[in-house]
Structure formats: structure tokens, C-alpha cells
Protein backbone atom coordinates (compact mmCIF):
# COMPACT_ATOMS: atom_id res chain seq x y z
CA MET A 1 66.60 -4.49 43.99
CA SER A 2 68.10 -7.17 41.57
CA ARG A 3 69.05 -6.12 38.08
CA ASN A 4 66.13 -8.28 36.76
CA ALA A 5 63.65 -6.14 38.97
CA VAL A 6 64.94 -2.91 37.61
CA ALA A 7 64.73 -3.94 33.97
CA ILE A 8 61.35 -5.03 34.46
CA VAL A 9 60.37 -1.93 36.59
CA SER A 10 62.01 0.32 33.76
CA SER A 11 60.18 -1.75 31.02
CA LEU A 12 57.01 -0.88 32.96
CA LEU A 13 57.99 2.68 33.39
CA PHE A 14 58.51 3.04 29.65
CA ALA A 15 55.23 1.43 28.68
CA ILE A 16 53.26 3.75 30.71
CA LEU A 17 55.01 6.67 29.54
CA ALA A 18 54.25 5.30 25.55
CA ALA A 19 50.93 4.77 26.54
CA LEU A 20 50.59 8.80 28.09
CA LEU A 21 52.32 9.73 25.06
CA VAL A 22 49.71 7.90 22.74
CA ILE A 23 46.57 8.56 24.48
CA THR A 24 47.35 12.07 25.54
CA PRO A 25 46.20 14.77 23.66
CA VAL A 26 48.04 18.05 22.14
CA PRO A 27 46.75 20.88 20.93
CA TYR A 28 47.01 20.24 17.31
CA VAL A 29 45.16 19.95 14.38
CA THR A 30 46.32 17.72 11.82
CA TRP A 31 45.64 18.44 7.74
CA ARG A 32 46.07 15.63 5.17
CA PRO A 33 45.36 15.42 1.69
CA GLY A 34 41.27 15.15 1.32
CA GLN A 35 38.94 13.76 -1.46
CA THR A 36 38.47 15.35 -4.56
CA ILE A 37 35.47 15.80 -6.30
CA ASP A 38 34.65 16.43 -10.09
CA VAL A 39 31.94 19.08 -10.07
CA LEU A 40 31.02 18.54 -13.68
CA GLY A 41 30.25 14.89 -12.67
CA ASN A 42 27.19 13.32 -11.51
CA THR A 43 25.91 11.87 -8.64
CA ASP A 44 23.29 8.96 -7.98
CA THR A 45 20.78 11.89 -7.97
CA GLY A 46 22.07 13.88 -10.72
CA PRO A 47 24.74 16.17 -11.86
CA ILE A 48 26.80 17.75 -8.94
CA ILE A 49 25.76 21.19 -10.90
CA GLU A 50 22.66 21.57 -12.20
CA VAL A 51 21.66 24.45 -14.19
CA GLY A 52 17.77 24.78 -14.57
CA GLY A 53 15.61 27.74 -15.45
CA GLY A 54 15.68 26.91 -18.91
CA LEU A 55 19.23 28.06 -19.78
CA HIS A 56 20.79 25.61 -22.34
CA THR A 57 23.76 23.78 -21.23
CA TYR A 58 27.01 22.50 -22.62
CA ASN A 59 28.86 19.17 -21.47
CA SER A 60 32.60 18.89 -20.62
CA ALA A 61 35.16 16.32 -21.78
CA GLY A 62 37.27 16.79 -19.23
CA LYS A 63 37.22 16.69 -15.17
CA LEU A 64 37.45 19.70 -12.81
CA LEU A 65 38.24 18.99 -9.30
CA MET A 66 37.50 20.73 -6.22
CA THR A 67 40.05 19.43 -3.51
CA THR A 68 39.71 19.18 -0.10
CA VAL A 69 41.62 18.78 3.22
CA SER A 70 40.97 16.15 5.60
CA ALA A 71 41.69 17.58 9.00
CA THR A 72 40.91 16.57 12.32
CA ARG A 73 37.18 17.05 13.60
CA VAL A 74 36.46 20.24 15.96
CA ASP A 75 35.09 17.05 18.54
CA ALA A 76 38.17 15.08 18.01
CA THR A 77 41.83 15.19 19.33
CA VAL A 78 45.35 14.78 18.37
CA SER A 79 48.20 12.76 20.14
CA LEU A 80 51.90 13.93 20.10
CA PRO A 81 52.83 10.77 17.73
CA GLU A 82 50.41 11.42 15.48
CA ALA A 83 51.04 15.26 15.24
CA VAL A 84 54.78 14.51 14.44
CA PHE A 85 53.91 11.96 11.98
CA VAL A 86 51.72 14.23 9.94
CA TYR A 87 54.12 17.36 10.26
CA LEU A 88 57.03 15.09 9.17
CA ALA A 89 54.72 13.64 6.20
CA ASN A 90 55.00 15.05 2.85
CA GLY A 91 52.03 17.30 1.63
CA SER A 92 50.43 17.34 5.03
CA ASP A 93 51.12 19.45 8.34
CA ALA A 94 49.93 19.71 12.14
CA ILE A 95 48.72 23.40 13.03
CA PRO A 96 47.80 24.67 16.32
CA ARG A 97 44.45 23.95 17.07
CA GLU A 98 43.64 27.95 18.27
CA VAL A 99 44.39 28.92 14.48
CA ILE A 100 41.86 26.77 12.88
CA TYR A 101 39.14 26.33 15.86
CA PRO A 102 39.40 29.88 17.57
CA PRO A 103 38.87 29.37 21.51
CA GLY A 104 35.18 30.41 22.96
CA LYS A 105 33.66 28.89 19.98
CA THR A 106 31.07 25.90 20.67
CA ILE A 107 31.23 23.04 18.06
CA GLU A 108 28.04 23.84 17.09
CA GLN A 109 29.06 27.38 15.89
CA VAL A 110 32.27 26.25 14.16
CA ARG A 111 29.95 24.06 12.24
CA THR A 112 27.45 26.56 11.45
CA GLU A 113 29.83 29.17 10.45
CA ALA A 114 31.68 26.41 7.94
CA THR A 115 28.15 25.96 6.67
CA LEU A 116 27.37 29.40 5.98
CA GLN A 117 30.71 29.88 4.20
CA MET A 118 30.15 27.17 1.91
CA ASP A 119 26.45 28.85 1.13
CA HIS A 120 28.42 32.16 0.43
CA SER A 121 30.53 30.63 -1.53
CA ARG A 122 27.92 29.09 -3.72
CA THR A 123 26.41 32.13 -4.18
CA PHE A 124 29.18 34.29 -5.04
CA ALA A 125 30.28 31.61 -7.47
CA THR A 126 27.17 31.77 -9.27
CA VAL A 127 27.00 35.46 -9.54
CA ALA A 128 30.78 35.62 -10.58
CA ALA A 129 30.19 32.83 -13.63
CA LEU A 130 26.78 34.54 -14.56
CA GLU A 131 28.89 38.16 -14.66
CA ALA A 132 31.68 36.53 -16.95
CA GLU A 133 29.21 34.99 -19.11
CA GLY A 134 27.74 38.26 -19.79
CA SER A 135 24.35 38.02 -21.41
CA ILE A 136 22.33 36.58 -17.92
CA PRO A 137 20.90 39.67 -15.60
CA VAL A 138 21.72 39.61 -12.14
CA GLU A 139 19.63 42.02 -9.84
CA LYS A 140 21.63 43.32 -6.66
CA LEU A 141 19.23 43.50 -3.35
CA PRO A 142 19.57 44.16 0.17
CA SER A 143 19.61 40.51 1.92
CA VAL A 144 19.68 39.20 5.19
CA GLY A 145 23.59 38.73 6.53
CA THR A 146 23.50 37.26 9.87
CA VAL A 147 20.92 36.85 12.77
CA SER A 148 21.56 37.39 16.12
CA LEU A 149 19.80 34.11 17.92
CA THR A 150 18.70 36.17 20.80
CA GLY A 151 17.27 38.90 19.00
CA PRO A 152 13.81 39.84 17.81
CA ALA A 153 14.41 38.85 14.34
CA ALA A 154 15.50 35.19 15.14
CA ASP A 155 13.11 32.37 13.47
CA ARG A 156 11.78 35.37 11.87
CA LEU A 157 14.38 36.55 9.49
CA LEU A 158 17.30 33.84 7.98
CA PRO A 159 20.50 34.88 6.26
CA GLY A 160 19.93 35.18 2.73
CA ASP A 161 16.45 36.34 2.36
CA LEU A 162 16.20 38.87 -0.21
CA ILE A 163 14.39 42.02 0.89
CA HIS A 164 12.13 44.14 -1.18
CA SER A 165 10.31 46.27 1.32
CA VAL A 166 9.76 47.24 4.61
CA ASP A 167 5.98 48.87 5.90
CA GLY A 168 5.61 49.04 2.31
CA GLN A 169 8.81 51.37 1.32
CA ASP A 170 10.65 49.84 -1.19
CA VAL A 171 14.45 49.33 -0.55
CA ALA A 172 16.49 48.76 -3.33
CA THR A 173 20.05 49.23 -1.43
CA ILE A 174 21.23 48.75 2.14
CA GLU A 175 21.37 52.39 2.81
CA ALA A 176 17.86 52.37 1.74
CA LEU A 177 17.03 49.57 4.17
CA GLU A 178 18.54 51.03 7.06
CA ALA A 179 17.26 54.60 6.70
CA VAL A 180 13.62 52.68 7.05
CA ILE A 181 14.85 50.81 10.08
CA ALA A 182 16.71 54.04 11.77
CA ARG A 183 13.13 55.79 11.94
CA ALA A 184 11.47 53.13 13.69
CA SER A 185 11.03 53.34 17.55
CA VAL A 186 11.06 50.60 20.08
CA GLY A 187 8.52 48.46 20.30
CA ASP A 188 7.51 49.02 16.64
CA THR A 189 6.65 46.12 14.26
CA LEU A 190 8.01 46.05 10.89
CA THR A 191 7.03 43.91 8.16
CA PHE A 192 9.37 42.84 5.60
CA THR A 193 8.34 41.82 2.20
CA LEU A 194 11.16 39.33 0.99
CA THR A 195 11.96 36.27 -1.00
CA ARG A 196 12.78 33.11 0.64
CA ASP A 197 13.60 29.87 -1.52
CA GLY A 198 12.22 31.37 -4.28
CA ARG A 199 8.85 32.36 -3.03
CA GLN A 200 7.92 35.73 -1.72
CA ARG A 201 6.38 36.19 1.79
CA SER A 202 5.86 39.02 4.44
CA VAL A 203 7.54 38.49 7.63
CA ALA A 204 6.62 40.73 10.73
CA VAL A 205 9.33 41.21 13.23
CA THR A 206 8.99 43.76 16.74
CA THR A 207 11.87 45.82 17.40
CA THR A 208 13.59 45.84 21.02
CA ALA A 209 15.79 48.24 22.74
CA SER A 210 19.62 48.57 22.01
CA ASN A 211 21.92 47.07 24.90
CA SER A 212 23.99 50.21 24.54
CA ASP A 213 21.30 53.02 23.97
CA ALA A 214 17.74 52.09 25.43
CA ARG A 215 16.29 54.48 22.99
CA ARG A 216 17.57 53.13 19.53
CA ALA A 217 15.45 50.36 18.04
CA VAL A 218 17.18 46.95 17.09
CA LEU A 219 16.04 43.80 14.90
CA GLY A 220 19.33 41.79 16.08
CA ALA A 221 20.33 41.47 12.13
CA THR A 222 23.00 42.71 9.98
CA TRP A 223 22.54 43.41 6.02
CA ALA A 224 24.27 42.24 2.89
CA VAL A 225 24.10 42.71 -0.73
CA GLY A 226 21.72 39.81 -2.02
CA TYR A 227 21.51 38.60 -5.43
CA ARG A 228 18.57 37.75 -7.98
CA PHE A 229 18.96 36.05 -10.93
CA ALA A 230 16.67 33.50 -13.58
CA PRO A 231 18.46 30.63 -13.90
CA LYS A 232 18.29 28.12 -10.51
CA ILE A 233 21.74 26.28 -9.95
CA THR A 234 21.87 23.58 -7.26
CA PHE A 235 24.92 21.76 -5.93
CA GLY A 236 24.57 18.22 -5.02
CA ILE A 237 27.66 18.30 -2.63
CA ASP A 238 27.64 16.11 0.63
CA GLN A 239 26.63 18.41 3.24
CA SER A 240 29.59 17.41 5.41
CA VAL A 241 31.79 19.57 2.91
CA THR A 242 31.86 22.73 4.08
CA GLY A 243 33.85 26.15 3.75
CA PRO A 244 34.61 28.61 1.30
CA SER A 245 37.59 27.22 -0.42
CA ALA A 246 35.57 25.77 -3.51
CA GLY A 247 34.63 28.91 -4.36
CA LEU A 248 36.79 29.23 -7.66
CA VAL A 249 36.08 25.72 -9.14
CA PHE A 250 32.25 26.17 -8.47
CA ALA A 251 32.36 29.48 -10.41
CA LEU A 252 34.51 27.99 -13.25
CA GLY A 253 32.12 24.81 -13.16
CA ILE A 254 29.24 27.10 -13.89
CA TYR A 255 30.86 28.91 -16.52
CA ASP A 256 31.77 25.69 -18.28
CA ARG A 257 28.21 24.76 -17.95
CA ILE A 258 26.67 27.72 -19.34
CA THR A 259 29.12 28.53 -22.06
CA GLU A 260 30.06 26.89 -25.55
CA GLY A 261 33.28 24.96 -26.04
CA ASP A 262 35.12 22.48 -23.77
CA LEU A 263 36.93 25.01 -21.82
CA LEU A 264 39.27 21.89 -20.03
CA GLY A 265 40.08 20.62 -23.17
CA GLY A 266 39.47 17.08 -22.12
CA ARG A 267 41.90 17.29 -19.16
CA THR A 268 41.45 16.79 -15.41
CA VAL A 269 42.18 20.21 -14.03
CA ALA A 270 41.83 21.06 -10.06
CA GLY A 271 41.95 23.75 -8.08
CA THR A 272 40.97 25.97 -4.86
CA GLY A 273 40.60 29.58 -3.85
CA THR A 274 37.56 31.63 -2.42
CA ILE A 275 35.66 33.61 -4.88
CA ASP A 276 33.87 36.96 -4.29
CA ALA A 277 30.52 38.02 -6.56
CA ILE A 278 32.74 40.16 -9.03
CA GLY A 279 35.07 37.42 -9.57
CA ARG A 280 37.90 37.77 -7.44
CA VAL A 281 39.92 34.82 -6.09
CA GLY A 282 41.28 34.84 -2.56
CA SER A 283 44.05 32.76 -0.93
CA ILE A 284 42.84 29.19 1.24
CA GLY A 285 44.58 27.50 3.79
CA GLY A 286 46.02 23.70 3.07
CA ILE A 287 47.40 24.50 -0.47
CA ARG A 288 50.13 22.11 -0.28
CA GLU A 289 47.26 19.24 0.96
CA LYS A 290 45.30 20.18 -2.00
CA ILE A 291 47.73 20.17 -4.43
CA THR A 292 48.89 16.37 -3.03
CA GLY A 293 45.33 15.11 -3.41
CA ALA A 294 44.66 16.50 -6.90
CA GLU A 295 47.81 14.93 -8.43
CA ARG A 296 47.12 11.76 -6.71
CA ASP A 297 43.85 11.67 -8.31
CA GLY A 298 45.12 12.63 -11.64
CA ALA A 299 45.04 16.14 -12.46
CA THR A 300 47.42 17.83 -14.71
CA ILE A 301 46.74 21.32 -14.39
CA PHE A 302 46.01 23.04 -10.78
CA LEU A 303 44.63 26.53 -10.62
CA VAL A 304 46.56 28.27 -7.64
CA PRO A 305 45.34 31.44 -5.92
CA GLU A 306 47.82 33.82 -6.73
CA ARG A 307 48.70 34.98 -2.93
CA ASN A 308 49.20 31.16 -2.22
CA CYS A 309 52.02 30.69 -4.71
CA LEU A 310 54.31 31.27 -1.66
CA ASP A 311 52.83 28.89 0.81
CA ILE A 312 53.90 25.94 -1.80
CA GLY A 313 57.16 26.14 -0.64
CA ASP A 314 59.52 23.19 -1.39
CA LEU A 315 56.57 20.87 -2.42
CA THR A 316 57.47 19.09 -5.64
CA THR A 317 54.59 18.04 -8.35
CA ASP A 318 54.60 17.41 -12.11
CA MET A 319 51.29 18.98 -12.29
CA THR A 320 51.27 22.85 -13.87
CA LEU A 321 50.34 25.10 -11.04
CA VAL A 322 48.56 27.90 -12.71
CA LYS A 323 48.86 31.22 -10.60
CA VAL A 324 45.14 32.89 -10.94
CA ALA A 325 44.00 36.20 -9.47
CA THR A 326 40.40 36.15 -10.69
CA LEU A 327 37.84 33.62 -12.45
CA LYS A 328 38.74 35.86 -16.00
CA ASP A 329 42.51 34.68 -15.30
CA ALA A 330 41.49 30.95 -15.06
CA VAL A 331 39.44 31.19 -18.11
CA ALA A 332 42.01 32.53 -20.06
CA ALA A 333 44.77 30.56 -18.83
CA LEU A 334 42.80 27.51 -19.69
CA GLN A 335 42.19 29.12 -23.09
CA LEU A 336 45.71 29.72 -23.99
CA ILE A 337 46.50 26.43 -22.65
CA ASN A 338 44.09 24.56 -25.13
CA GLU A 339 45.59 26.67 -27.78
CA GLY A 340 49.12 25.64 -27.45
CA ASN A 341 50.30 28.96 -25.99
CA THR A 342 51.63 27.65 -22.62
CA ALA A 343 54.45 29.96 -22.41
CA GLU A 344 51.86 32.79 -21.96
CA VAL A 345 50.30 31.17 -18.90
CA PRO A 346 51.24 32.88 -15.47
CA THR A 347 52.66 30.19 -13.30
CA CYS A 348 53.82 29.53 -9.45
CA GLY A 349 57.42 29.87 -9.46
């Protein structure tokens, strides 16, 4: 074979291998800085955080940015060159796919779980903000946590339903609810009086036998603490934005709306972190990507969950990275910054 022929064959083989590298997927997910959303801003249909129920609200001169990660979709793939490029880029990362999308779950299950996480995040953020404000009562009630798709409660009970009574017996706690259900026999029909979407209704569910004990009656549902309060708070966030990591920013946005004064001091503040009903802030993924996106969009202060400070690593930023463990920490830090007492503000690093 001539040298020219060898060169041609080699070039063709190289081109084929290069093409294979580009089109062959690798088991990774890419994370890049995503969009930011000013939760104190407005859309074409109204405020992103809208507080109803006759509660007086206040405007802010600043911006409060919810940060996101632009991630590979659950139904998409990543090539090797793309994974390497993202991994080496500043403020981006490539992560093993199984860490983000556990094997064995369908695409629909992953999306449903992420949507439920966002719903719970909004509820917890609202409760935490109302509790921090201090004058608005919040009532705790048993509620529906999850519902099995194949159980008797499917399409009868829905996650988030607030339960008042079962067969006419008031249930003020999860323990009281479970005690009433435990007395039911297989085949009994239980009538739940509950609140859904602000309206009270009655729902009947017939028990079936447990798979592990044929004598035990089950409904195919789990229970959680639910909350009832007078203000009606709605969120104008695109439904494609899901997950629990906006909890802290939602809570801070609601708190700023319902309390007097400009908590942000006219600044652009960004942040991230999960939140529970008593205002504790939890760690999240993608902290480097979110910091990078926030700085790109003009933030000067970034609220970092305390346990995420170590995850920042060698990422450099001109923003002040404020370390927070609770909603009250975030409020106190912003108040100190407004007063000029920046030396007292806890920061990462």
C-alpha cells in the first residue's frame, strides 16, 4: 500500500473515531450556570411572589435573585468532549449521571419528584416567612404526604390535602389520624373531611389488605404535617423550574414583602438553599454554578447555606458570600450590611 493510501486510510479512521467520540454518550450530566429570577419582580401576568388575603405588602428597591443550574435533561445525553469541556470550565461541572438521576426511576418519576420538591419548598418557605414575621397565625394539621399510584387512595387523596376528620372523628395530629385508621378493617370505607385548594370536601376511600399482612387495612398513603394560614401566597415561576433549592430565597422574598422597610437596601442579592418550616437552611448542589450565574447577572451579595461553604473551593468572586444556617441568619446579615456593620456578617472563607 502506498504512503498516500496509508495516509488516506489513517485520516478516515481518525475521522470515524472522532465522530464516534462526539456521538457516543457517556454516563455524565453537565451542570452550568443557569438563569436567575428576581422573585421580587414581575412577569406579564403579575408579581412573581403575590401576597393576597388582605395582608399589607411593601415594595423593595432591590432585587432578590433565585439562582438555578442549567443541567442536562433526564432524557438527554452527553458526549465525551462535552463532558470534558464542561468539567474544565470555570464554574461548571460534569457529574456521574447516577448521582443526579438514580437508576431505576422513569423520566416521569424524576420529573414528578422534582415538581413535588418545588411545591414543598414553597409551602415551607411560606410558613417560615410567616413565623419569622411573628404576627400571622399558622395552624398545623395532618396532611397527605405521598399517595401510591396503585393503592386505594390513588386519585382520591392528593399530596397536600389537609385532613380535619375521618368518619366524623377530629384528627388534630398525625398520631390521632393514624390511630383512627389503625382501627379500620380490610374493606372498610373511610370518609375524610379535608381541605384541597382552599375548599373543604369529603372523600371516601375503601381500605385494602396490606401485602405483608392480610389482616391489616391500608390506604396506600403516607402522612405529613400540613399548614393552614390566612394569607394566600402564589408564585409566578415557570413550571419547568423545579426542585427544592429556592426555599431560602422564596422565604426571604415573602418576608421582605410582608415586613416594613427595604431589607435589601437597594442592592441585588442572590442566594440558594433548601428551607424547612422552622426556617432551617439546607445545603444544595451546584453552588459554584449558582455563584457564577449570580455574579454574571449583577449580584453583589450571595447567601450561601452554611454546609455549602466548603464546596466553593477555589472559585473566585467579587461578591460577598454570606454564610447562613437559618432564615433569621439571612435577615440579620442583610440588616447588618444595611447598617454598615459588615465586619459582623459571617462569610464563607
